[in-house]
Amino acid sequence: MNLQHEIERLYALDTAELKYDPLVGDVCSEVLRSLNHGLIRAAQPDGAGGWQVNSWVKHGILLLFRMGKMVDMSSNDIFRFFDKDTLDTKRITIDDGIRVVPGGSTIRTGAFISPGVICMPPMYINIGAWIGADTMVDSHALVGTCAQIGSRVHISAAAQIGGVLEPAGARPVIIEDEVLVGGNCGVYEGVRVCRRAVLGSGVILNASTPVYDLVNQAILRSTSDKPLEIPEGAVVVAGARTVQSEWGSQHGLSVSTPLIVKYRDEKTDARTALEGALR
């Protein structure tokens, strides 16, 4: 079947029509199979240095939500879970080459996880996420719906990579190859962190966050047609800027602001190098 065509056709139907369509079960099965094997992605490199959003893939995921029926997914009488029958956990075997350390982590079906990925407990990876080889998702970290994570990335403990399904045309969060996301960071609303960037602990990035580049004396912002992008190799730390109003100045107030304090050098590379023995 032409999966994109069938997804868009079914997505346009109302729920009453959808449930009686003879192809809907096959299409939902193929969406999950293709997502799980990395054959389709919510966004992908466009070959020209940017990224292409595949809205139809997110429409396919939304079809799974629409068609799912609530079922009991409990493993026993203590661990009780209830979710839609189309959104099970991902089936992983030893042959997949993924390390899932014991301790309460979950990967939802429809997430693509490359060989060499390490999952430290407890962590969660949601449907539509795509994670490249040799990346580590550390304890208490979240990789949200449709987030695109590159290879050799370290998502540190308690970091949050936001997800997006609606609006379908919105770009998901993109973390490119060899990025270090520090502990307690939050990256949301389609922000793109370009390759080899470093986010220091506690940095929060979203669509309304201005980032002050101290090296180039520039202010980076999202626009109506382009989400915020952190440049390649940038080292970002949590900073603050003074509130300019008279009342704010009177009370010594400031707001948190990410700062680019440098770009990667040999010292940064040494401090952020991945430990091969862990892999």
Protein backbone atom coordinates (compact mmCIF):
# COMPACT_ATOMS: atom_id res chain seq x y z
CA MET A 1 0.00 0.00 0.00
CA ASN A 2 0.96 3.64 -0.33
CA LEU A 3 1.15 4.26 3.40
CA GLN A 4 1.21 8.04 3.26
CA HIS A 5 -1.84 8.15 0.97
CA GLU A 6 -3.82 5.72 3.14
CA ILE A 7 -2.96 7.55 6.36
CA GLU A 8 -4.12 10.86 4.95
CA ARG A 9 -7.29 9.30 3.54
CA LEU A 10 -8.21 7.69 6.85
CA TYR A 11 -7.21 10.73 8.91
CA ALA A 12 -9.74 12.83 6.98
CA LEU A 13 -12.62 10.50 7.91
CA ASP A 14 -14.79 11.12 10.95
CA THR A 15 -14.65 8.52 13.72
CA ALA A 16 -17.90 6.81 12.68
CA GLU A 17 -16.61 6.26 9.13
CA LEU A 18 -13.14 5.35 10.30
CA LYS A 19 -14.13 2.40 12.47
CA TYR A 20 -15.83 0.66 9.53
CA ASP A 21 -13.11 1.21 6.94
CA PRO A 22 -11.76 -2.21 5.86
CA LEU A 23 -8.13 -0.99 5.66
CA VAL A 24 -7.83 0.82 8.97
CA GLY A 25 -6.47 -2.20 10.88
CA ASP A 26 -3.83 -2.92 8.25
CA VAL A 27 -2.80 0.73 8.08
CA CYS A 28 -2.43 1.01 11.87
CA SER A 29 -0.33 -2.17 11.93
CA GLU A 30 1.90 -0.84 9.16
CA VAL A 31 2.32 2.52 10.91
CA LEU A 32 3.58 0.75 14.03
CA ARG A 33 5.82 -1.63 12.10
CA SER A 34 7.36 1.20 10.10
CA LEU A 35 7.90 3.40 13.18
CA ASN A 36 9.42 0.56 15.19
CA HIS A 37 11.90 -0.22 12.40
CA GLY A 38 12.77 3.39 11.64
CA LEU A 39 11.30 3.23 8.13
CA ILE A 40 9.26 6.39 8.67
CA ARG A 41 10.02 9.40 10.89
CA ALA A 42 8.11 12.43 12.09
CA ALA A 43 11.02 14.56 10.86
CA GLN A 44 14.22 13.85 8.99
CA PRO A 45 17.27 15.70 7.61
CA ASP A 46 16.45 17.33 4.28
CA GLY A 47 19.94 16.89 2.81
CA ALA A 48 20.54 20.63 2.70
CA GLY A 49 21.40 21.26 6.33
CA GLY A 50 17.82 21.55 7.54
CA TRP A 51 14.99 19.29 8.60
CA GLN A 52 11.78 18.19 6.91
CA VAL A 53 8.64 17.65 9.00
CA ASN A 54 6.51 14.68 7.92
CA SER A 55 3.05 15.68 9.11
CA TRP A 56 1.53 12.53 7.67
CA VAL A 57 3.58 10.38 10.07
CA LYS A 58 2.11 12.26 13.03
CA HIS A 59 -1.32 11.79 11.47
CA GLY A 60 -0.60 8.06 11.48
CA ILE A 61 0.20 8.18 15.20
CA LEU A 62 -2.99 10.12 15.87
CA LEU A 63 -4.91 7.39 14.02
CA LEU A 64 -3.55 4.89 16.54
CA PHE A 65 -4.95 7.00 19.37
CA ARG A 66 -8.31 7.35 17.64
CA MET A 67 -8.66 3.64 16.91
CA GLY A 68 -7.38 2.34 20.24
CA LYS A 69 -9.66 0.86 22.88
CA MET A 70 -8.90 1.04 26.57
CA VAL A 71 -7.64 -2.29 27.89
CA ASP A 72 -6.10 -3.66 31.05
CA MET A 73 -2.31 -3.90 30.51
CA SER A 74 -1.47 -4.79 34.10
CA SER A 75 1.46 -7.13 34.59
CA ASN A 76 0.09 -8.34 37.96
CA ASP A 77 -2.13 -7.22 40.81
CA ILE A 78 0.45 -4.69 42.04
CA PHE A 79 1.58 -3.00 38.81
CA ARG A 80 -1.67 -1.81 37.27
CA PHE A 81 -1.73 -0.13 33.84
CA PHE A 82 -4.60 0.86 31.55
CA ASP A 83 -4.06 2.23 28.06
CA LYS A 84 -5.23 1.93 24.48
CA ASP A 85 -4.65 -1.45 22.86
CA THR A 86 -2.85 0.17 19.91
CA LEU A 87 -0.18 1.68 22.20
CA ASP A 88 1.55 -1.22 23.88
CA THR A 89 5.15 -1.23 25.08
CA LYS A 90 7.90 -1.83 22.54
CA ARG A 91 8.96 -5.46 22.06
CA ILE A 92 12.75 -5.68 22.44
CA THR A 93 14.98 -8.73 22.20
CA ILE A 94 18.67 -9.26 22.96
CA ASP A 95 19.33 -9.21 19.20
CA ASP A 96 18.28 -5.54 19.01
CA GLY A 97 21.55 -4.56 20.69
CA ILE A 98 19.88 -2.14 23.11
CA ARG A 99 20.82 -2.04 26.80
CA VAL A 100 17.82 -1.55 29.04
CA VAL A 101 19.20 -1.65 32.58
CA PRO A 102 16.75 -3.18 35.10
CA GLY A 103 14.74 -0.76 37.19
CA GLY A 104 11.43 0.46 35.81
CA SER A 105 12.02 2.03 32.39
CA THR A 106 9.44 1.96 29.59
CA ILE A 107 9.69 2.36 25.83
CA ARG A 108 6.38 2.72 24.04
CA THR A 109 5.77 0.89 20.80
CA GLY A 110 6.38 3.03 17.73
CA ALA A 111 9.69 4.40 19.00
CA PHE A 112 12.81 3.58 16.99
CA ILE A 113 15.87 2.76 19.09
CA SER A 114 19.19 2.17 17.29
CA PRO A 115 21.70 -0.48 18.37
CA GLY A 116 24.06 0.65 21.10
CA VAL A 117 21.52 2.84 22.90
CA ILE A 118 21.70 2.64 26.71
CA CYS A 119 18.59 3.18 28.83
CA MET A 120 19.24 3.84 32.52
CA PRO A 121 16.35 3.33 34.93
CA PRO A 122 13.89 4.81 35.32
CA MET A 123 13.42 6.58 31.99
CA TYR A 124 10.65 6.84 29.39
CA ILE A 125 10.67 7.02 25.58
CA ASN A 126 7.37 7.84 23.88
CA ILE A 127 5.87 6.82 20.54
CA GLY A 128 7.35 8.38 17.40
CA ALA A 129 10.71 9.11 19.00
CA TRP A 130 13.79 8.27 16.90
CA ILE A 131 17.09 7.66 18.72
CA GLY A 132 20.46 7.19 17.00
CA ALA A 133 23.23 4.72 17.76
CA ASP A 134 25.25 4.78 21.00
CA THR A 135 23.09 7.41 22.69
CA MET A 136 22.52 7.24 26.44
CA VAL A 137 19.15 8.11 28.01
CA ASP A 138 19.96 8.53 31.68
CA SER A 139 17.87 8.04 34.81
CA HIS A 140 14.60 9.99 35.15
CA ALA A 141 14.96 11.35 31.61
CA LEU A 142 12.05 11.69 29.20
CA VAL A 143 12.17 11.52 25.41
CA GLY A 144 8.81 12.87 24.27
CA THR A 145 6.55 11.99 21.36
CA CYS A 146 8.25 12.29 17.95
CA ALA A 147 11.49 13.77 19.38
CA GLN A 148 14.45 13.18 17.07
CA ILE A 149 17.68 12.29 18.86
CA GLY A 150 20.96 11.78 17.03
CA SER A 151 23.85 9.36 17.57
CA ARG A 152 26.29 9.49 20.49
CA VAL A 153 24.07 11.90 22.41
CA HIS A 154 24.03 11.93 26.21
CA ILE A 155 20.66 12.85 27.70
CA SER A 156 21.63 13.32 31.33
CA ALA A 157 19.64 12.50 34.44
CA ALA A 158 16.23 14.20 34.78
CA ALA A 159 16.49 15.93 31.38
CA GLN A 160 13.20 16.46 29.56
CA ILE A 161 13.02 16.34 25.76
CA GLY A 162 9.54 17.57 24.91
CA GLY A 163 7.14 15.87 22.55
CA VAL A 164 4.67 17.13 19.97
CA LEU A 165 1.77 15.66 18.05
CA GLU A 166 -0.45 18.68 17.50
CA PRO A 167 -0.43 20.77 15.46
CA ALA A 168 0.76 18.09 13.05
CA GLY A 169 2.87 20.55 11.06
CA ALA A 170 4.85 21.64 14.11
CA ARG A 171 8.47 20.54 14.17
CA PRO A 172 9.39 18.15 16.97
CA VAL A 173 12.39 18.74 19.21
CA ILE A 174 15.59 17.84 17.37
CA ILE A 175 18.82 16.92 19.17
CA GLU A 176 21.57 16.26 16.65
CA ASP A 177 24.64 14.00 16.84
CA GLU A 178 27.11 14.21 19.73
CA VAL A 179 25.10 16.72 21.77
CA LEU A 180 25.40 16.68 25.55
CA VAL A 181 22.15 17.53 27.32
CA GLY A 182 23.00 18.24 30.96
CA GLY A 183 21.05 17.17 34.01
CA ASN A 184 17.67 18.81 34.64
CA CYS A 185 17.63 20.46 31.22
CA GLY A 186 14.36 21.00 29.37
CA VAL A 187 14.14 21.27 25.57
CA TYR A 188 10.65 21.93 24.20
CA GLU A 189 8.49 23.30 21.36
CA GLY A 190 10.49 22.33 18.29
CA VAL A 191 13.87 23.65 19.42
CA ARG A 192 16.77 22.32 17.36
CA VAL A 193 20.08 21.70 19.10
CA CYS A 194 22.71 21.34 16.39
CA ARG A 195 25.47 18.76 16.46
CA ARG A 196 28.15 18.80 19.17
CA ALA A 197 26.43 21.49 21.21
CA VAL A 198 26.56 21.29 25.00
CA LEU A 199 23.67 22.26 27.27
CA GLY A 200 24.84 22.84 30.82
CA SER A 201 22.80 21.62 33.76
CA GLY A 202 19.45 23.33 34.20
CA VAL A 203 19.24 25.04 30.79
CA ILE A 204 15.63 25.49 29.60
CA LEU A 205 14.94 26.07 25.90
CA ASN A 206 11.54 26.68 24.31
CA ALA A 207 9.92 28.74 21.58
CA SER A 208 9.83 31.91 23.66
CA THR A 209 13.38 31.67 25.04
CA PRO A 210 15.93 34.22 23.77
CA VAL A 211 19.48 32.87 23.86
CA TYR A 212 22.31 35.37 24.27
CA ASP A 213 25.46 34.48 22.32
CA LEU A 214 28.25 36.21 24.26
CA VAL A 215 30.86 35.06 21.74
CA ASN A 216 29.21 36.57 18.66
CA GLN A 217 27.26 39.28 20.53
CA ALA A 218 23.97 38.13 19.05
CA ILE A 219 20.52 37.19 20.35
CA LEU A 220 19.03 33.96 19.01
CA ARG A 221 15.23 33.69 18.90
CA SER A 222 12.51 31.65 17.27
CA THR A 223 10.50 33.32 14.51
CA SER A 224 7.05 32.71 13.05
CA ASP A 225 8.53 30.34 10.47
CA LYS A 226 11.62 29.00 12.23
CA PRO A 227 12.01 27.49 15.73
CA LEU A 228 14.91 28.39 17.99
CA GLU A 229 18.18 26.76 16.92
CA ILE A 230 21.30 26.33 19.04
CA PRO A 231 24.37 26.53 16.75
CA GLU A 232 26.79 23.70 16.19
CA GLY A 233 29.34 23.35 18.96
CA ALA A 234 27.77 26.02 21.19
CA VAL A 235 28.24 25.66 24.94
CA VAL A 236 25.08 26.93 26.66
CA VAL A 237 24.74 27.60 30.39
CA ALA A 238 21.90 28.88 32.54
CA GLY A 239 22.22 32.61 33.11
CA ALA A 240 20.10 35.60 34.04
CA ARG A 241 19.31 39.09 32.78
CA THR A 242 18.09 42.06 34.74
CA VAL A 243 14.44 43.09 34.59
CA GLN A 244 14.55 46.57 33.03
CA SER A 245 11.36 48.04 34.50
CA GLU A 246 11.70 50.55 37.32
CA TRP A 247 9.86 48.27 39.74
CA GLY A 248 11.90 45.23 38.68
CA SER A 249 15.17 47.12 39.09
CA GLN A 250 14.04 48.45 42.46
CA HIS A 251 13.57 44.90 43.71
CA GLY A 252 16.69 43.49 42.06
CA LEU A 253 14.71 41.09 39.88
CA SER A 254 16.06 39.06 36.98
CA VAL A 255 14.78 36.38 34.61
CA SER A 256 16.58 33.20 33.65
CA THR A 257 18.29 33.34 30.27
CA PRO A 258 20.44 30.75 28.47
CA LEU A 259 23.88 32.08 27.55
CA ILE A 260 26.32 30.79 24.93
CA VAL A 261 29.60 31.30 26.75
CA LYS A 262 31.92 29.58 24.28
CA TYR A 263 32.11 27.13 21.40
CA ARG A 264 33.57 23.67 21.76
CA ASP A 265 37.33 23.29 22.01
CA GLU A 266 39.69 20.52 23.06
CA LYS A 267 39.01 21.16 26.75
CA THR A 268 35.25 20.83 26.19
CA ASP A 269 35.75 17.67 24.15
CA ALA A 270 37.81 16.11 26.94
CA ARG A 271 35.18 16.90 29.57
CA THR A 272 32.26 15.62 27.50
CA ALA A 273 33.86 12.57 25.88
CA LEU A 274 31.70 9.46 25.97
CA GLU A 275 33.20 6.55 27.87
CA GLY A 276 33.60 3.69 25.42
CA ALA A 277 33.68 1.09 28.18
CA LEU A 278 30.06 1.91 29.03
CA ARG A 279 29.09 0.87 25.55
